[in-house]
Amino acid sequence: MDLQTKRLLLLVVSCCVIGIVFGGVISWTQSNTCLQASNITSQCLTQNPIEKIIQGMGTGLGAGAGAAFGIAWQFNHKS
């Protein structure tokens, strides 16, 4: 594996991990805000918070991977 491939892999993994963390934290925060609201909706009560966090982490993973590949693609086109 050459240096450029290792850098690309590190970029993709880093962006994915950051996306997972941010997606999970944001979903967890939204779940807590929903439960602490003055008007609690039925959707808020029936929604499983763990599933919501996992969905947020999945979205973050996709966003992180997309960002990493977008950065790599733009960097390769500039060279």
N, C-alpha and C. Protein backbone atom coordinates (compact mmCIF):
# COMPACT_ATOMS: atom_id res chain seq x y z
N MET A 1 0.86 -1.17 0.00
CA MET A 1 0.00 0.00 0.00
C MET A 1 0.90 1.24 0.00
N ASP A 2 0.71 2.10 -0.97
CA ASP A 2 1.56 3.28 -1.05
C ASP A 2 1.07 4.38 -0.12
N LEU A 3 1.85 5.43 -0.01
CA LEU A 3 1.56 6.52 0.93
C LEU A 3 0.26 7.24 0.60
N GLN A 4 -0.03 7.45 -0.67
CA GLN A 4 -1.26 8.15 -1.05
C GLN A 4 -2.49 7.33 -0.68
N THR A 5 -2.43 6.04 -0.85
CA THR A 5 -3.56 5.18 -0.49
C THR A 5 -3.77 5.17 1.01
N LYS A 6 -2.69 5.15 1.77
CA LYS A 6 -2.79 5.18 3.23
C LYS A 6 -3.41 6.49 3.70
N ARG A 7 -3.02 7.59 3.07
CA ARG A 7 -3.58 8.89 3.44
C ARG A 7 -5.07 8.96 3.13
N LEU A 8 -5.46 8.43 1.98
CA LEU A 8 -6.88 8.41 1.61
C LEU A 8 -7.67 7.56 2.60
N LEU A 9 -7.15 6.41 2.96
CA LEU A 9 -7.81 5.54 3.91
C LEU A 9 -7.93 6.23 5.27
N LEU A 10 -6.88 6.89 5.71
CA LEU A 10 -6.92 7.62 6.98
C LEU A 10 -7.94 8.76 6.93
N LEU A 11 -8.02 9.46 5.81
CA LEU A 11 -9.00 10.53 5.66
C LEU A 11 -10.42 9.99 5.73
N VAL A 12 -10.69 8.90 5.04
CA VAL A 12 -12.03 8.33 5.02
C VAL A 12 -12.40 7.83 6.42
N VAL A 13 -11.50 7.11 7.07
CA VAL A 13 -11.79 6.58 8.40
C VAL A 13 -12.00 7.72 9.39
N SER A 14 -11.15 8.74 9.34
CA SER A 14 -11.29 9.87 10.26
C SER A 14 -12.62 10.60 10.08
N CYS A 15 -12.98 10.88 8.84
CA CYS A 15 -14.24 11.57 8.57
C CYS A 15 -15.43 10.72 8.99
N CYS A 16 -15.36 9.42 8.76
CA CYS A 16 -16.46 8.54 9.15
C CYS A 16 -16.62 8.49 10.66
N VAL A 17 -15.52 8.38 11.38
CA VAL A 17 -15.58 8.34 12.85
C VAL A 17 -16.14 9.65 13.40
N ILE A 18 -15.67 10.76 12.87
CA ILE A 18 -16.17 12.06 13.33
C ILE A 18 -17.66 12.18 13.01
N GLY A 19 -18.08 11.73 11.82
CA GLY A 19 -19.49 11.76 11.45
C GLY A 19 -20.34 10.89 12.37
N ILE A 20 -19.85 9.72 12.73
CA ILE A 20 -20.58 8.83 13.63
C ILE A 20 -20.75 9.48 14.99
N VAL A 21 -19.68 10.06 15.52
CA VAL A 21 -19.74 10.70 16.84
C VAL A 21 -20.71 11.87 16.82
N PHE A 22 -20.56 12.75 15.84
CA PHE A 22 -21.44 13.92 15.78
C PHE A 22 -22.89 13.52 15.54
N GLY A 23 -23.13 12.56 14.66
CA GLY A 23 -24.49 12.10 14.39
C GLY A 23 -25.14 11.50 15.63
N GLY A 24 -24.39 10.70 16.38
CA GLY A 24 -24.91 10.11 17.60
C GLY A 24 -25.21 11.14 18.67
N VAL A 25 -24.29 12.09 18.84
CA VAL A 25 -24.47 13.13 19.87
C VAL A 25 -25.67 14.01 19.53
N ILE A 26 -25.79 14.39 18.28
CA ILE A 26 -26.91 15.26 17.88
C ILE A 26 -28.24 14.53 18.06
N SER A 27 -28.30 13.26 17.69
CA SER A 27 -29.54 12.50 17.87
C SER A 27 -29.88 12.33 19.34
N TRP A 28 -28.89 12.09 20.16
CA TRP A 28 -29.10 11.94 21.61
C TRP A 28 -29.62 13.26 22.19
N THR A 29 -29.03 14.37 21.76
CA THR A 29 -29.47 15.68 22.23
C THR A 29 -30.91 15.97 21.80
N GLN A 30 -31.25 15.62 20.58
CA GLN A 30 -32.62 15.84 20.10
C GLN A 30 -33.61 14.98 20.88
N SER A 31 -33.22 13.76 21.23
CA SER A 31 -34.11 12.90 22.02
C SER A 31 -34.35 13.50 23.40
N ASN A 32 -33.29 14.00 24.03
CA ASN A 32 -33.44 14.61 25.35
C ASN A 32 -34.28 15.88 25.27
N THR A 33 -34.07 16.69 24.25
CA THR A 33 -34.84 17.92 24.08
C THR A 33 -36.31 17.59 23.87
N CYS A 34 -36.57 16.54 23.12
CA CYS A 34 -37.95 16.13 22.86
C CYS A 34 -38.64 15.74 24.16
N LEU A 35 -37.96 15.00 25.01
CA LEU A 35 -38.56 14.54 26.26
C LEU A 35 -38.70 15.67 27.29
N GLN A 36 -37.90 16.71 27.19
CA GLN A 36 -37.96 17.81 28.15
C GLN A 36 -38.82 18.97 27.69
N ALA A 37 -39.43 18.84 26.53
CA ALA A 37 -40.26 19.91 26.00
C ALA A 37 -41.54 20.06 26.82
N SER A 38 -42.13 21.24 26.76
CA SER A 38 -43.36 21.47 27.52
C SER A 38 -44.54 20.72 26.89
N ASN A 39 -44.54 20.58 25.57
CA ASN A 39 -45.57 19.81 24.86
C ASN A 39 -44.93 18.56 24.27
N ILE A 40 -45.07 17.44 24.95
CA ILE A 40 -44.48 16.19 24.48
C ILE A 40 -45.43 15.56 23.48
N THR A 41 -44.92 15.26 22.30
CA THR A 41 -45.74 14.67 21.24
C THR A 41 -45.78 13.15 21.38
N SER A 42 -46.73 12.54 20.72
CA SER A 42 -46.83 11.08 20.76
C SER A 42 -45.64 10.44 20.05
N GLN A 43 -45.13 11.09 19.03
CA GLN A 43 -43.96 10.58 18.32
C GLN A 43 -42.76 10.52 19.26
N CYS A 44 -42.64 11.51 20.11
CA CYS A 44 -41.53 11.56 21.07
C CYS A 44 -41.63 10.41 22.06
N LEU A 45 -42.84 10.09 22.48
CA LEU A 45 -43.03 9.02 23.47
C LEU A 45 -42.88 7.63 22.88
N THR A 46 -43.27 7.44 21.62
CA THR A 46 -43.21 6.11 21.02
C THR A 46 -41.87 5.80 20.38
N GLN A 47 -41.04 6.78 20.22
CA GLN A 47 -39.76 6.60 19.55
C GLN A 47 -38.73 6.04 20.52
N ASN A 48 -38.04 4.98 20.10
CA ASN A 48 -36.99 4.39 20.91
C ASN A 48 -35.73 5.26 20.80
N PRO A 49 -35.22 5.79 21.92
CA PRO A 49 -34.05 6.67 21.85
C PRO A 49 -32.81 5.98 21.29
N ILE A 50 -32.64 4.69 21.56
CA ILE A 50 -31.47 3.97 21.05
C ILE A 50 -31.54 3.86 19.53
N GLU A 51 -32.71 3.58 19.00
CA GLU A 51 -32.87 3.52 17.55
C GLU A 51 -32.61 4.87 16.91
N LYS A 52 -33.07 5.93 17.56
CA LYS A 52 -32.85 7.28 17.05
C LYS A 52 -31.35 7.60 17.01
N ILE A 53 -30.63 7.20 18.04
CA ILE A 53 -29.19 7.45 18.09
C ILE A 53 -28.48 6.65 17.00
N ILE A 54 -28.88 5.40 16.81
CA ILE A 54 -28.26 4.57 15.77
C ILE A 54 -28.55 5.14 14.38
N GLN A 55 -29.76 5.64 14.17
CA GLN A 55 -30.08 6.28 12.88
C GLN A 55 -29.20 7.52 12.67
N GLY A 56 -29.01 8.30 13.72
CA GLY A 56 -28.15 9.47 13.61
C GLY A 56 -26.70 9.11 13.32
N MET A 57 -26.24 8.03 13.94
CA MET A 57 -24.88 7.57 13.69
C MET A 57 -24.72 7.08 12.25
N GLY A 58 -25.74 6.42 11.73
CA GLY A 58 -25.70 5.98 10.33
C GLY A 58 -25.68 7.15 9.37
N THR A 59 -26.47 8.15 9.67
CA THR A 59 -26.47 9.36 8.83
C THR A 59 -25.12 10.05 8.90
N GLY A 60 -24.55 10.12 10.10
CA GLY A 60 -23.22 10.72 10.26
C GLY A 60 -22.15 9.95 9.51
N LEU A 61 -22.27 8.63 9.50
CA LEU A 61 -21.32 7.79 8.76
C LEU A 61 -21.38 8.11 7.28
N GLY A 62 -22.58 8.19 6.74
CA GLY A 62 -22.73 8.52 5.33
C GLY A 62 -22.22 9.91 5.00
N ALA A 63 -22.52 10.86 5.86
CA ALA A 63 -22.05 12.23 5.62
C ALA A 63 -20.53 12.32 5.71
N GLY A 64 -19.95 11.62 6.67
CA GLY A 64 -18.49 11.63 6.81
C GLY A 64 -17.80 10.98 5.62
N ALA A 65 -18.33 9.85 5.17
CA ALA A 65 -17.74 9.17 4.01
C ALA A 65 -17.88 10.03 2.76
N GLY A 66 -19.04 10.64 2.60
CA GLY A 66 -19.24 11.51 1.44
C GLY A 66 -18.31 12.71 1.46
N ALA A 67 -18.12 13.28 2.63
CA ALA A 67 -17.21 14.42 2.75
C ALA A 67 -15.78 14.01 2.43
N ALA A 68 -15.37 12.86 2.94
CA ALA A 68 -14.00 12.40 2.69
C ALA A 68 -13.75 12.14 1.21
N PHE A 69 -14.69 11.47 0.56
CA PHE A 69 -14.51 11.21 -0.87
C PHE A 69 -14.59 12.50 -1.69
N GLY A 70 -15.44 13.44 -1.26
CA GLY A 70 -15.50 14.73 -1.94
C GLY A 70 -14.20 15.51 -1.83
N ILE A 71 -13.61 15.50 -0.65
CA ILE A 71 -12.32 16.18 -0.43
C ILE A 71 -11.24 15.52 -1.27
N ALA A 72 -11.20 14.19 -1.24
CA ALA A 72 -10.18 13.46 -2.00
C ALA A 72 -10.34 13.70 -3.50
N TRP A 73 -11.58 13.70 -3.98
CA TRP A 73 -11.82 13.92 -5.41
C TRP A 73 -11.39 15.31 -5.83
N GLN A 74 -11.74 16.30 -5.01
CA GLN A 74 -11.36 17.68 -5.35
C GLN A 74 -9.85 17.85 -5.28
N PHE A 75 -9.22 17.23 -4.31
CA PHE A 75 -7.75 17.35 -4.19
C PHE A 75 -7.05 16.71 -5.40
N ASN A 76 -7.56 15.56 -5.85
CA ASN A 76 -6.96 14.90 -7.02
C ASN A 76 -7.17 15.70 -8.29
N HIS A 77 -8.28 16.40 -8.41
CA HIS A 77 -8.52 17.20 -9.62
C HIS A 77 -7.69 18.49 -9.64
N LYS A 78 -7.30 18.97 -8.47
CA LYS A 78 -6.46 20.17 -8.42
C LYS A 78 -5.01 19.85 -8.77
N SER A 79 -4.61 18.62 -8.51
CA SER A 79 -3.21 18.22 -8.78
C SER A 79 -2.96 17.99 -10.24
